[in-house]
Amino acid sequence: MAENQTVNRKSRVGTVVSGKNDKTIVVKVERASRHPIYHKVIRRTKKYHAHDEANVATVGDLVRIEECRPMSRLKRWRLVTVLTEREVADVKPERLDQALVAEMQRSSHGQEQAPASEGAAS
């Protein structure tokens, strides 16, 4: 009897909003529903804590999660797959403007010396 049992599990698609905990992600799922009286479309959001065994999902990724057994007090979902990874800008400065660096160093030294000179003048 237990050989060919299929389990219908709920599945949701959402965006990862937090990945700070080890093996846990927080996924924000958005749904749209129509107001019963005013017929305006309302967006509702809900956050789900999901189990991410390999820590593959990062903040901003679009992921699919599905129901599973309770893993902790809040975790009842697990990560199935990462659908789209967030866009990360590949921008590196080619060179730093030396005049700007020198000016920043002068201003930081000037702030440290200003209170000392005021104390000596008083």
PDB file of N, CA and C in Angstrom:
ATOM      1  N   MET A   1       0.804  -1.189   0.000  1.00  0.00           N
ATOM      2  CA  MET A   1       0.000   0.000   0.000  1.00  0.00           C
ATOM      3  C   MET A   1       0.852   1.260   0.000  1.00  0.00           C
ATOM      4  N   ALA A   2       1.979   1.240   0.688  1.00  0.00           N
ATOM      5  CA  ALA A   2       2.793   2.440   0.822  1.00  0.00           C
ATOM      6  C   ALA A   2       3.746   2.642  -0.360  1.00  0.00           C
ATOM      7  N   GLU A   3       3.698   1.741  -1.338  1.00  0.00           N
ATOM      8  CA  GLU A   3       4.658   1.805  -2.436  1.00  0.00           C
ATOM      9  C   GLU A   3       4.382   2.955  -3.405  1.00  0.00           C
ATOM     10  N   ASN A   4       3.160   3.074  -3.882  1.00  0.00           N
ATOM     11  CA  ASN A   4       2.844   4.044  -4.923  1.00  0.00           C
ATOM     12  C   ASN A   4       1.909   5.142  -4.439  1.00  0.00           C
ATOM     13  N   GLN A   5       2.133   5.629  -3.252  1.00  0.00           N
ATOM     14  CA  GLN A   5       1.304   6.717  -2.758  1.00  0.00           C
ATOM     15  C   GLN A   5       1.839   8.037  -3.288  1.00  0.00           C
ATOM     16  N   THR A   6       0.965   8.828  -3.887  1.00  0.00           N
ATOM     17  CA  THR A   6       1.364  10.162  -4.324  1.00  0.00           C
ATOM     18  C   THR A   6       0.776  11.172  -3.351  1.00  0.00           C
ATOM     19  N   VAL A   7       1.594  12.135  -3.006  1.00  0.00           N
ATOM     20  CA  VAL A   7       1.175  13.145  -2.058  1.00  0.00           C
ATOM     21  C   VAL A   7       0.975  14.447  -2.818  1.00  0.00           C
ATOM     22  N   ASN A   8      -0.225  15.019  -2.714  1.00  0.00           N
ATOM     23  CA  ASN A   8      -0.483  16.308  -3.323  1.00  0.00           C
ATOM     24  C   ASN A   8      -0.045  17.395  -2.344  1.00  0.00           C
ATOM     25  N   ARG A   9       1.037  18.065  -2.691  1.00  0.00           N
ATOM     26  CA  ARG A   9       1.561  19.110  -1.825  1.00  0.00           C
ATOM     27  C   ARG A   9       1.311  20.465  -2.442  1.00  0.00           C
ATOM     28  N   LYS A  10       1.018  21.435  -1.592  1.00  0.00           N
ATOM     29  CA  LYS A  10       0.838  22.803  -2.072  1.00  0.00           C
ATOM     30  C   LYS A  10       2.185  23.359  -2.485  1.00  0.00           C
ATOM     31  N   SER A  11       2.159  24.197  -3.508  1.00  0.00           N
ATOM     32  CA  SER A  11       3.387  24.795  -4.029  1.00  0.00           C
ATOM     33  C   SER A  11       3.158  26.295  -4.199  1.00  0.00           C
ATOM     34  N   ARG A  12       4.157  27.088  -3.878  1.00  0.00           N
ATOM     35  CA  ARG A  12       4.067  28.541  -4.008  1.00  0.00           C
ATOM     36  C   ARG A  12       5.322  29.070  -4.685  1.00  0.00           C
ATOM     37  N   VAL A  13       5.183  30.200  -5.383  1.00  0.00           N
ATOM     38  CA  VAL A  13       6.319  30.879  -6.001  1.00  0.00           C
ATOM     39  C   VAL A  13       6.411  32.254  -5.368  1.00  0.00           C
ATOM     40  N   GLY A  14       7.612  32.614  -4.918  1.00  0.00           N
ATOM     41  CA  GLY A  14       7.775  33.899  -4.260  1.00  0.00           C
ATOM     42  C   GLY A  14       9.216  34.375  -4.304  1.00  0.00           C
ATOM     43  N   THR A  15       9.451  35.503  -3.650  1.00  0.00           N
ATOM     44  CA  THR A  15      10.758  36.143  -3.633  1.00  0.00           C
ATOM     45  C   THR A  15      11.383  35.994  -2.253  1.00  0.00           C
ATOM     46  N   VAL A  16      12.668  35.686  -2.215  1.00  0.00           N
ATOM     47  CA  VAL A  16      13.371  35.553  -0.942  1.00  0.00           C
ATOM     48  C   VAL A  16      13.612  36.954  -0.377  1.00  0.00           C
ATOM     49  N   VAL A  17      13.157  37.179   0.860  1.00  0.00           N
ATOM     50  CA  VAL A  17      13.357  38.481   1.491  1.00  0.00           C
ATOM     51  C   VAL A  17      14.390  38.425   2.610  1.00  0.00           C
ATOM     52  N   SER A  18      14.726  37.228   3.094  1.00  0.00           N
ATOM     53  CA  SER A  18      15.745  37.099   4.127  1.00  0.00           C
ATOM     54  C   SER A  18      16.414  35.740   4.006  1.00  0.00           C
ATOM     55  N   GLY A  19      17.724  35.758   4.141  1.00  0.00           N
ATOM     56  CA  GLY A  19      18.478  34.515   4.109  1.00  0.00           C
ATOM     57  C   GLY A  19      19.535  34.501   5.186  1.00  0.00           C
ATOM     58  N   LYS A  20      19.302  35.197   6.287  1.00  0.00           N
ATOM     59  CA  LYS A  20      20.311  35.357   7.333  1.00  0.00           C
ATOM     60  C   LYS A  20      20.492  34.107   8.175  1.00  0.00           C
ATOM     61  N   ASN A  21      19.435  33.340   8.361  1.00  0.00           N
ATOM     62  CA  ASN A  21      19.524  32.141   9.194  1.00  0.00           C
ATOM     63  C   ASN A  21      20.143  30.991   8.413  1.00  0.00           C
ATOM     64  N   ASP A  22      20.767  30.065   9.130  1.00  0.00           N
ATOM     65  CA  ASP A  22      21.390  28.911   8.506  1.00  0.00           C
ATOM     66  C   ASP A  22      20.312  27.921   8.087  1.00  0.00           C
ATOM     67  N   LYS A  23      20.321  27.526   6.826  1.00  0.00           N
ATOM     68  CA  LYS A  23      19.391  26.553   6.244  1.00  0.00           C
ATOM     69  C   LYS A  23      17.942  27.010   6.278  1.00  0.00           C
ATOM     70  N   THR A  24      17.709  28.308   6.403  1.00  0.00           N
ATOM     71  CA  THR A  24      16.342  28.839   6.432  1.00  0.00           C
ATOM     72  C   THR A  24      16.274  30.089   5.572  1.00  0.00           C
ATOM     73  N   ILE A  25      15.221  30.190   4.772  1.00  0.00           N
ATOM     74  CA  ILE A  25      14.961  31.405   4.016  1.00  0.00           C
ATOM     75  C   ILE A  25      13.536  31.859   4.323  1.00  0.00           C
ATOM     76  N   VAL A  26      13.302  33.160   4.174  1.00  0.00           N
ATOM     77  CA  VAL A  26      11.961  33.701   4.323  1.00  0.00           C
ATOM     78  C   VAL A  26      11.517  34.138   2.937  1.00  0.00           C
ATOM     79  N   VAL A  27      10.380  33.598   2.487  1.00  0.00           N
ATOM     80  CA  VAL A  27       9.888  33.839   1.132  1.00  0.00           C
ATOM     81  C   VAL A  27       8.601  34.647   1.207  1.00  0.00           C
ATOM     82  N   LYS A  28       8.547  35.731   0.433  1.00  0.00           N
ATOM     83  CA  LYS A  28       7.341  36.559   0.371  1.00  0.00           C
ATOM     84  C   LYS A  28       6.551  36.144  -0.861  1.00  0.00           C
ATOM     85  N   VAL A  29       5.316  35.702  -0.642  1.00  0.00           N
ATOM     86  CA  VAL A  29       4.433  35.275  -1.724  1.00  0.00           C
ATOM     87  C   VAL A  29       3.327  36.313  -1.856  1.00  0.00           C
ATOM     88  N   GLU A  30       3.131  36.806  -3.070  1.00  0.00           N
ATOM     89  CA  GLU A  30       2.126  37.830  -3.330  1.00  0.00           C
ATOM     90  C   GLU A  30       0.989  37.224  -4.137  1.00  0.00           C
ATOM     91  N   ARG A  31      -0.241  37.570  -3.756  1.00  0.00           N
ATOM     92  CA  ARG A  31      -1.391  37.121  -4.524  1.00  0.00           C
ATOM     93  C   ARG A  31      -2.333  38.302  -4.707  1.00  0.00           C
ATOM     94  N   ALA A  32      -3.106  38.260  -5.751  1.00  0.00           N
ATOM     95  CA  ALA A  32      -4.052  39.332  -6.036  1.00  0.00           C
ATOM     96  C   ALA A  32      -5.468  38.783  -5.915  1.00  0.00           C
ATOM     97  N   SER A  33      -6.319  39.548  -5.244  1.00  0.00           N
ATOM     98  CA  SER A  33      -7.720  39.158  -5.133  1.00  0.00           C
ATOM     99  C   SER A  33      -8.584  40.398  -5.313  1.00  0.00           C
ATOM    100  N   ARG A  34      -9.802  40.179  -5.716  1.00  0.00           N
ATOM    101  CA  ARG A  34     -10.719  41.286  -5.961  1.00  0.00           C
ATOM    102  C   ARG A  34     -11.543  41.545  -4.709  1.00  0.00           C
ATOM    103  N   HIS A  35     -11.689  42.816  -4.363  1.00  0.00           N
ATOM    104  CA  HIS A  35     -12.484  43.182  -3.197  1.00  0.00           C
ATOM    105  C   HIS A  35     -13.951  42.812  -3.457  1.00  0.00           C
ATOM    106  N   PRO A  36     -14.638  42.194  -2.483  1.00  0.00           N
ATOM    107  CA  PRO A  36     -16.002  41.717  -2.739  1.00  0.00           C
ATOM    108  C   PRO A  36     -17.023  42.818  -3.019  1.00  0.00           C
ATOM    109  N   ILE A  37     -16.808  44.010  -2.452  1.00  0.00           N
ATOM    110  CA  ILE A  37     -17.778  45.088  -2.662  1.00  0.00           C
ATOM    111  C   ILE A  37     -17.301  46.084  -3.707  1.00  0.00           C
ATOM    112  N   TYR A  38     -16.064  46.537  -3.562  1.00  0.00           N
ATOM    113  CA  TYR A  38     -15.568  47.610  -4.422  1.00  0.00           C
ATOM    114  C   TYR A  38     -14.942  47.108  -5.725  1.00  0.00           C
ATOM    115  N   HIS A  39     -14.709  45.822  -5.843  1.00  0.00           N
ATOM    116  CA  HIS A  39     -14.176  45.182  -7.049  1.00  0.00           C
ATOM    117  C   HIS A  39     -12.807  45.712  -7.457  1.00  0.00           C
ATOM    118  N   LYS A  40     -12.081  46.268  -6.526  1.00  0.00           N
ATOM    119  CA  LYS A  40     -10.727  46.721  -6.813  1.00  0.00           C
ATOM    120  C   LYS A  40      -9.766  45.561  -6.527  1.00  0.00           C
ATOM    121  N   VAL A  41      -8.742  45.428  -7.340  1.00  0.00           N
ATOM    122  CA  VAL A  41      -7.775  44.364  -7.143  1.00  0.00           C
ATOM    123  C   VAL A  41      -6.858  44.742  -5.984  1.00  0.00           C
ATOM    124  N   ILE A  42      -6.767  43.843  -5.015  1.00  0.00           N
ATOM    125  CA  ILE A  42      -5.956  44.069  -3.821  1.00  0.00           C
ATOM    126  C   ILE A  42      -4.815  43.067  -3.820  1.00  0.00           C
ATOM    127  N   ARG A  43      -3.612  43.542  -3.552  1.00  0.00           N
ATOM    128  CA  ARG A  43      -2.464  42.645  -3.443  1.00  0.00           C
ATOM    129  C   ARG A  43      -2.271  42.277  -1.988  1.00  0.00           C
ATOM    130  N   ARG A  44      -2.209  40.990  -1.733  1.00  0.00           N
ATOM    131  CA  ARG A  44      -1.975  40.482  -0.386  1.00  0.00           C
ATOM    132  C   ARG A  44      -0.638  39.756  -0.383  1.00  0.00           C
ATOM    133  N   THR A  45       0.144  39.927   0.677  1.00  0.00           N
ATOM    134  CA  THR A  45       1.424  39.235   0.789  1.00  0.00           C
ATOM    135  C   THR A  45       1.427  38.387   2.047  1.00  0.00           C
ATOM    136  N   LYS A  46       2.197  37.325   1.976  1.00  0.00           N
ATOM    137  CA  LYS A  46       2.364  36.459   3.126  1.00  0.00           C
ATOM    138  C   LYS A  46       3.792  35.944   3.118  1.00  0.00           C
ATOM    139  N   LYS A  47       4.383  35.828   4.293  1.00  0.00           N
ATOM    140  CA  LYS A  47       5.754  35.340   4.400  1.00  0.00           C
ATOM    141  C   LYS A  47       5.751  33.888   4.881  1.00  0.00           C
ATOM    142  N   TYR A  48       6.574  33.079   4.255  1.00  0.00           N
ATOM    143  CA  TYR A  48       6.723  31.678   4.626  1.00  0.00           C
ATOM    144  C   TYR A  48       8.177  31.421   4.977  1.00  0.00           C
ATOM    145  N   HIS A  49       8.418  30.706   6.068  1.00  0.00           N
ATOM    146  CA  HIS A  49       9.766  30.254   6.404  1.00  0.00           C
ATOM    147  C   HIS A  49       9.958  28.901   5.733  1.00  0.00           C
ATOM    148  N   ALA A  50      11.032  28.772   4.963  1.00  0.00           N
ATOM    149  CA  ALA A  50      11.254  27.547   4.197  1.00  0.00           C
ATOM    150  C   ALA A  50      12.640  26.984   4.492  1.00  0.00           C
ATOM    151  N   HIS A  51      12.755  25.677   4.409  1.00  0.00           N
ATOM    152  CA  HIS A  51      14.017  24.978   4.657  1.00  0.00           C
ATOM    153  C   HIS A  51      14.856  24.970   3.383  1.00  0.00           C
ATOM    154  N   ASP A  52      16.090  25.446   3.494  1.00  0.00           N
ATOM    155  CA  ASP A  52      17.035  25.489   2.372  1.00  0.00           C
ATOM    156  C   ASP A  52      18.287  24.748   2.811  1.00  0.00           C
ATOM    157  N   GLU A  53      18.333  23.454   2.537  1.00  0.00           N
ATOM    158  CA  GLU A  53      19.397  22.587   3.053  1.00  0.00           C
ATOM    159  C   GLU A  53      20.787  23.037   2.645  1.00  0.00           C
ATOM    160  N   ALA A  54      20.966  23.432   1.385  1.00  0.00           N
ATOM    161  CA  ALA A  54      22.309  23.762   0.875  1.00  0.00           C
ATOM    162  C   ALA A  54      22.608  25.260   0.896  1.00  0.00           C
ATOM    163  N   ASN A  55      21.713  26.065   1.430  1.00  0.00           N
ATOM    164  CA  ASN A  55      21.885  27.528   1.459  1.00  0.00           C
ATOM    165  C   ASN A  55      22.160  28.094   0.067  1.00  0.00           C
ATOM    166  N   VAL A  56      21.378  27.678  -0.922  1.00  0.00           N
ATOM    167  CA  VAL A  56      21.615  28.132  -2.300  1.00  0.00           C
ATOM    168  C   VAL A  56      20.861  29.411  -2.630  1.00  0.00           C
ATOM    169  N   ALA A  57      19.758  29.687  -1.959  1.00  0.00           N
ATOM    170  CA  ALA A  57      18.949  30.872  -2.286  1.00  0.00           C
ATOM    171  C   ALA A  57      19.496  32.093  -1.557  1.00  0.00           C
ATOM    172  N   THR A  58      19.505  33.232  -2.258  1.00  0.00           N
ATOM    173  CA  THR A  58      19.933  34.490  -1.661  1.00  0.00           C
ATOM    174  C   THR A  58      18.803  35.500  -1.780  1.00  0.00           C
ATOM    175  N   VAL A  59      18.948  36.615  -1.094  1.00  0.00           N
ATOM    176  CA  VAL A  59      17.913  37.646  -1.087  1.00  0.00           C
ATOM    177  C   VAL A  59      17.682  38.151  -2.508  1.00  0.00           C
ATOM    178  N   GLY A  60      16.418  38.208  -2.916  1.00  0.00           N
ATOM    179  CA  GLY A  60      16.062  38.689  -4.242  1.00  0.00           C
ATOM    180  C   GLY A  60      15.792  37.596  -5.255  1.00  0.00           C
ATOM    181  N   ASP A  61      16.112  36.348  -4.939  1.00  0.00           N
ATOM    182  CA  ASP A  61      15.873  35.242  -5.863  1.00  0.00           C
ATOM    183  C   ASP A  61      14.380  34.913  -5.936  1.00  0.00           C
ATOM    184  N   LEU A  62      13.939  34.481  -7.098  1.00  0.00           N
ATOM    185  CA  LEU A  62      12.581  33.983  -7.277  1.00  0.00           C
ATOM    186  C   LEU A  62      12.648  32.471  -7.095  1.00  0.00           C
ATOM    187  N   VAL A  63      11.897  31.921  -6.142  1.00  0.00           N
ATOM    188  CA  VAL A  63      12.011  30.508  -5.790  1.00  0.00           C
ATOM    189  C   VAL A  63      10.645  29.838  -5.761  1.00  0.00           C
ATOM    190  N   ARG A  64      10.671  28.505  -5.855  1.00  0.00           N
ATOM    191  CA  ARG A  64       9.468  27.693  -5.689  1.00  0.00           C
ATOM    192  C   ARG A  64       9.643  26.905  -4.397  1.00  0.00           C
ATOM    193  N   ILE A  65       8.629  26.971  -3.522  1.00  0.00           N
ATOM    194  CA  ILE A  65       8.644  26.215  -2.271  1.00  0.00           C
ATOM    195  C   ILE A  65       7.434  25.289  -2.253  1.00  0.00           C
ATOM    196  N   GLU A  66       7.540  24.218  -1.475  1.00  0.00           N
ATOM    197  CA  GLU A  66       6.401  23.304  -1.362  1.00  0.00           C
ATOM    198  C   GLU A  66       6.251  22.851   0.080  1.00  0.00           C
ATOM    199  N   GLU A  67       5.041  22.430   0.389  1.00  0.00           N
ATOM    200  CA  GLU A  67       4.700  21.978   1.727  1.00  0.00           C
ATOM    201  C   GLU A  67       5.520  20.753   2.110  1.00  0.00           C
ATOM    202  N   CYS A  68       5.827  20.627   3.406  1.00  0.00           N
ATOM    203  CA  CYS A  68       6.506  19.433   3.891  1.00  0.00           C
ATOM    204  C   CYS A  68       6.140  19.236   5.362  1.00  0.00           C
ATOM    205  N   ARG A  69       6.755  18.276   5.979  1.00  0.00           N
ATOM    206  CA  ARG A  69       6.495  18.029   7.393  1.00  0.00           C
ATOM    207  C   ARG A  69       7.033  19.193   8.218  1.00  0.00           C
ATOM    208  N   PRO A  70       6.548  19.409   9.419  1.00  0.00           N
ATOM    209  CA  PRO A  70       7.082  20.487  10.253  1.00  0.00           C
ATOM    210  C   PRO A  70       8.537  20.226  10.615  1.00  0.00           C
ATOM    211  N   MET A  71       9.399  21.200  10.323  1.00  0.00           N
ATOM    212  CA  MET A  71      10.822  21.058  10.629  1.00  0.00           C
ATOM    213  C   MET A  71      11.219  21.852  11.864  1.00  0.00           C
ATOM    214  N   SER A  72      10.465  22.873  12.194  1.00  0.00           N
ATOM    215  CA  SER A  72      10.673  23.642  13.410  1.00  0.00           C
ATOM    216  C   SER A  72       9.359  24.344  13.739  1.00  0.00           C
ATOM    217  N   ARG A  73       9.419  25.295  14.653  1.00  0.00           N
ATOM    218  CA  ARG A  73       8.199  25.988  15.069  1.00  0.00           C
ATOM    219  C   ARG A  73       7.552  26.727  13.910  1.00  0.00           C
ATOM    220  N   LEU A  74       8.361  27.329  13.005  1.00  0.00           N
ATOM    221  CA  LEU A  74       7.829  28.123  11.904  1.00  0.00           C
ATOM    222  C   LEU A  74       7.967  27.455  10.533  1.00  0.00           C
ATOM    223  N   LYS A  75       8.915  26.536  10.388  1.00  0.00           N
ATOM    224  CA  LYS A  75       9.194  25.973   9.064  1.00  0.00           C
ATOM    225  C   LYS A  75       8.294  24.789   8.735  1.00  0.00           C
ATOM    226  N   ARG A  76       7.408  25.013   7.753  1.00  0.00           N
ATOM    227  CA  ARG A  76       6.548  23.947   7.234  1.00  0.00           C
ATOM    228  C   ARG A  76       6.675  23.842   5.720  1.00  0.00           C
ATOM    229  N   TRP A  77       7.641  24.520   5.139  1.00  0.00           N
ATOM    230  CA  TRP A  77       7.858  24.544   3.697  1.00  0.00           C
ATOM    231  C   TRP A  77       9.313  24.237   3.418  1.00  0.00           C
ATOM    232  N   ARG A  78       9.598  23.744   2.206  1.00  0.00           N
ATOM    233  CA  ARG A  78      10.993  23.513   1.818  1.00  0.00           C
ATOM    234  C   ARG A  78      11.225  24.058   0.419  1.00  0.00           C
ATOM    235  N   LEU A  79      12.451  24.444   0.163  1.00  0.00           N
ATOM    236  CA  LEU A  79      12.836  24.984  -1.133  1.00  0.00           C
ATOM    237  C   LEU A  79      12.890  23.854  -2.156  1.00  0.00           C
ATOM    238  N   VAL A  80      12.214  24.059  -3.289  1.00  0.00           N
ATOM    239  CA  VAL A  80      12.253  23.068  -4.358  1.00  0.00           C
ATOM    240  C   VAL A  80      13.316  23.463  -5.366  1.00  0.00           C
ATOM    241  N   THR A  81      13.219  24.696  -5.871  1.00  0.00           N
ATOM    242  CA  THR A  81      14.183  25.148  -6.865  1.00  0.00           C
ATOM    243  C   THR A  81      14.266  26.664  -6.874  1.00  0.00           C
ATOM    244  N   VAL A  82      15.408  27.149  -7.336  1.00  0.00           N
ATOM    245  CA  VAL A  82      15.579  28.586  -7.547  1.00  0.00           C
ATOM    246  C   VAL A  82      15.244  28.847  -9.006  1.00  0.00           C
ATOM    247  N   LEU A  83      14.180  29.619  -9.258  1.00  0.00           N
ATOM    248  CA  LEU A  83      13.731  29.871 -10.625  1.00  0.00           C
ATOM    249  C   LEU A  83      14.589  30.931 -11.313  1.00  0.00           C
ATOM    250  N   THR A  84      14.802  32.058 -10.658  1.00  0.00           N
ATOM    251  CA  THR A  84      15.641  33.122 -11.218  1.00  0.00           C
ATOM    252  C   THR A  84      16.493  33.693 -10.111  1.00  0.00           C
ATOM    253  N   GLU A  85      17.757  33.871 -10.413  1.00  0.00           N
ATOM    254  CA  GLU A  85      18.643  34.490  -9.437  1.00  0.00           C
ATOM    255  C   GLU A  85      18.581  35.996  -9.589  1.00  0.00           C
ATOM    256  N   ARG A  86      18.839  36.695  -8.508  1.00  0.00           N
ATOM    257  CA  ARG A  86      18.767  38.155  -8.564  1.00  0.00           C
ATOM    258  C   ARG A  86      19.871  38.703  -9.443  1.00  0.00           C
ATOM    259  N   GLU A  87      19.608  39.886  -9.969  1.00  0.00           N
ATOM    260  CA  GLU A  87      20.594  40.552 -10.807  1.00  0.00           C
ATOM    261  C   GLU A  87      21.649  41.196  -9.920  1.00  0.00           C
ATOM    262  N   VAL A  88      22.902  40.862 -10.168  1.00  0.00           N
ATOM    263  CA  VAL A  88      24.001  41.457  -9.425  1.00  0.00           C
ATOM    264  C   VAL A  88      24.830  42.267 -10.403  1.00  0.00           C
ATOM    265  N   ALA A  89      25.025  43.528 -10.094  1.00  0.00           N
ATOM    266  CA  ALA A  89      25.782  44.398 -10.985  1.00  0.00           C
ATOM    267  C   ALA A  89      27.266  44.036 -10.931  1.00  0.00           C
ATOM    268  N   ASP A  90      27.875  43.918 -12.085  1.00  0.00           N
ATOM    269  CA  ASP A  90      29.294  43.637 -12.194  1.00  0.00           C
ATOM    270  C   ASP A  90      30.043  44.928 -12.465  1.00  0.00           C
ATOM    271  N   VAL A  91      30.022  45.828 -11.518  1.00  0.00           N
ATOM    272  CA  VAL A  91      30.648  47.127 -11.715  1.00  0.00           C
ATOM    273  C   VAL A  91      31.863  47.218 -10.805  1.00  0.00           C
ATOM    274  N   LYS A  92      33.001  47.469 -11.423  1.00  0.00           N
ATOM    275  CA  LYS A  92      34.224  47.655 -10.663  1.00  0.00           C
ATOM    276  C   LYS A  92      34.849  48.968 -11.110  1.00  0.00           C
ATOM    277  N   PRO A  93      35.361  49.742 -10.187  1.00  0.00           N
ATOM    278  CA  PRO A  93      36.057  50.944 -10.629  1.00  0.00           C
ATOM    279  C   PRO A  93      37.356  50.557 -11.319  1.00  0.00           C
ATOM    280  N   GLU A  94      37.603  51.165 -12.465  1.00  0.00           N
ATOM    281  CA  GLU A  94      38.834  50.857 -13.186  1.00  0.00           C
ATOM    282  C   GLU A  94      40.037  51.453 -12.481  1.00  0.00           C
ATOM    283  N   ARG A  95      39.865  52.643 -11.967  1.00  0.00           N
ATOM    284  CA  ARG A  95      40.938  53.265 -11.183  1.00  0.00           C
ATOM    285  C   ARG A  95      40.305  54.319 -10.288  1.00  0.00           C
ATOM    286  N   LEU A  96      40.951  54.577  -9.191  1.00  0.00           N
ATOM    287  CA  LEU A  96      40.469  55.587  -8.277  1.00  0.00           C
ATOM    288  C   LEU A  96      41.094  56.927  -8.613  1.00  0.00           C
ATOM    289  N   ASP A  97      40.334  57.974  -8.459  1.00  0.00           N
ATOM    290  CA  ASP A  97      40.845  59.316  -8.670  1.00  0.00           C
ATOM    291  C   ASP A  97      41.721  59.666  -7.473  1.00  0.00           C
ATOM    292  N   GLN A  98      43.015  59.829  -7.694  1.00  0.00           N
ATOM    293  CA  GLN A  98      43.969  60.071  -6.610  1.00  0.00           C
ATOM    294  C   GLN A  98      43.686  61.392  -5.900  1.00  0.00           C
ATOM    295  N   ALA A  99      43.201  62.388  -6.638  1.00  0.00           N
ATOM    296  CA  ALA A  99      42.880  63.673  -6.009  1.00  0.00           C
ATOM    297  C   ALA A  99      41.742  63.492  -5.007  1.00  0.00           C
ATOM    298  N   LEU A 100      40.752  62.682  -5.350  1.00  0.00           N
ATOM    299  CA  LEU A 100      39.628  62.428  -4.457  1.00  0.00           C
ATOM    300  C   LEU A 100      40.097  61.677  -3.211  1.00  0.00           C
ATOM    301  N   VAL A 101      40.980  60.707  -3.400  1.00  0.00           N
ATOM    302  CA  VAL A 101      41.509  59.943  -2.267  1.00  0.00           C
ATOM    303  C   VAL A 101      42.275  60.865  -1.328  1.00  0.00           C
ATOM    304  N   ALA A 102      43.102  61.728  -1.893  1.00  0.00           N
ATOM    305  CA  ALA A 102      43.883  62.656  -1.071  1.00  0.00           C
ATOM    306  C   ALA A 102      42.960  63.614  -0.316  1.00  0.00           C
ATOM    307  N   GLU A 103      41.923  64.086  -0.969  1.00  0.00           N
ATOM    308  CA  GLU A 103      40.979  65.003  -0.328  1.00  0.00           C
ATOM    309  C   GLU A 103      40.250  64.310   0.822  1.00  0.00           C
ATOM    310  N   MET A 104      39.851  63.064   0.634  1.00  0.00           N
ATOM    311  CA  MET A 104      39.163  62.318   1.689  1.00  0.00           C
ATOM    312  C   MET A 104      40.095  62.092   2.874  1.00  0.00           C
ATOM    313  N   GLN A 105      41.370  61.814   2.599  1.00  0.00           N
ATOM    314  CA  GLN A 105      42.327  61.614   3.680  1.00  0.00           C
ATOM    315  C   GLN A 105      42.530  62.918   4.454  1.00  0.00           C
ATOM    316  N   ARG A 106      42.625  64.042   3.734  1.00  0.00           N
ATOM    317  CA  ARG A 106      42.799  65.343   4.401  1.00  0.00           C
ATOM    318  C   ARG A 106      41.580  65.661   5.265  1.00  0.00           C
ATOM    319  N   SER A 107      40.385  65.396   4.734  1.00  0.00           N
ATOM    320  CA  SER A 107      39.180  65.722   5.496  1.00  0.00           C
ATOM    321  C   SER A 107      39.053  64.825   6.733  1.00  0.00           C
ATOM    322  N   SER A 108      39.439  63.567   6.630  1.00  0.00           N
ATOM    323  CA  SER A 108      39.353  62.690   7.797  1.00  0.00           C
ATOM    324  C   SER A 108      40.393  63.082   8.843  1.00  0.00           C
ATOM    325  N   HIS A 109      41.585  63.511   8.421  1.00  0.00           N
ATOM    326  CA  HIS A 109      42.597  63.962   9.373  1.00  0.00           C
ATOM    327  C   HIS A 109      42.185  65.290   9.981  1.00  0.00           C
ATOM    328  N   GLY A 110      41.550  66.135   9.193  1.00  0.00           N
ATOM    329  CA  GLY A 110      41.099  67.437   9.672  1.00  0.00           C
ATOM    330  C   GLY A 110      40.031  67.303  10.751  1.00  0.00           C
ATOM    331  N   GLN A 111      39.153  66.296  10.648  1.00  0.00           N
ATOM    332  CA  GLN A 111      38.102  66.094  11.644  1.00  0.00           C
ATOM    333  C   GLN A 111      38.694  65.598  12.946  1.00  0.00           C
ATOM    334  N   GLU A 112      39.751  64.767  12.857  1.00  0.00           N
ATOM    335  CA  GLU A 112      40.363  64.242  14.073  1.00  0.00           C
ATOM    336  C   GLU A 112      41.129  65.344  14.812  1.00  0.00           C
ATOM    337  N   GLN A 113      41.760  66.276  14.056  1.00  0.00           N
ATOM    338  CA  GLN A 113      42.578  67.291  14.672  1.00  0.00           C
ATOM    339  C   GLN A 113      41.755  68.493  15.149  1.00  0.00           C
ATOM    340  N   ALA A 114      40.577  68.718  14.595  1.00  0.00           N
ATOM    341  CA  ALA A 114      39.768  69.891  14.944  1.00  0.00           C
ATOM    342  C   ALA A 114      39.382  69.913  16.414  1.00  0.00           C
ATOM    343  N   PRO A 115      38.872  68.838  17.039  1.00  0.00           N
ATOM    344  CA  PRO A 115      38.518  68.920  18.450  1.00  0.00           C
ATOM    345  C   PRO A 115      39.737  69.125  19.333  1.00  0.00           C
ATOM    346  N   ALA A 116      40.891  68.585  18.945  1.00  0.00           N
ATOM    347  CA  ALA A 116      42.102  68.738  19.755  1.00  0.00           C
ATOM    348  C   ALA A 116      42.544  70.198  19.747  1.00  0.00           C
ATOM    349  N   SER A 117      42.457  70.883  18.608  1.00  0.00           N
ATOM    350  CA  SER A 117      42.887  72.280  18.545  1.00  0.00           C
ATOM    351  C   SER A 117      41.901  73.172  19.292  1.00  0.00           C
ATOM    352  N   GLU A 118      40.605  72.830  19.308  1.00  0.00           N
ATOM    353  CA  GLU A 118      39.628  73.621  20.029  1.00  0.00           C
ATOM    354  C   GLU A 118      39.862  73.483  21.539  1.00  0.00           C
ATOM    355  N   GLY A 119      40.243  72.276  21.968  1.00  0.00           N
ATOM    356  CA  GLY A 119      40.504  72.050  23.384  1.00  0.00           C
ATOM    357  C   GLY A 119      41.719  72.811  23.854  1.00  0.00           C
ATOM    358  N   ALA A 120      42.740  72.950  22.983  1.00  0.00           N
ATOM    359  CA  ALA A 120      43.967  73.656  23.344  1.00  0.00           C
ATOM    360  C   ALA A 120      43.710  75.156  23.395  1.00  0.00           C
ATOM    361  N   ALA A 121      42.798  75.675  22.566  1.00  0.00           N
ATOM    362  CA  ALA A 121      42.528  77.100  22.517  1.00  0.00           C
ATOM    363  C   ALA A 121      41.732  77.542  23.733  1.00  0.00           C
ATOM    364  N   SER A 122      40.939  76.664  24.333  1.00  0.00           N
ATOM    365  CA  SER A 122      40.081  77.054  25.463  1.00  0.00           C
ATOM    366  C   SER A 122      40.794  77.152  26.754  1.00  0.00           C
TER     367      SER A 122
END
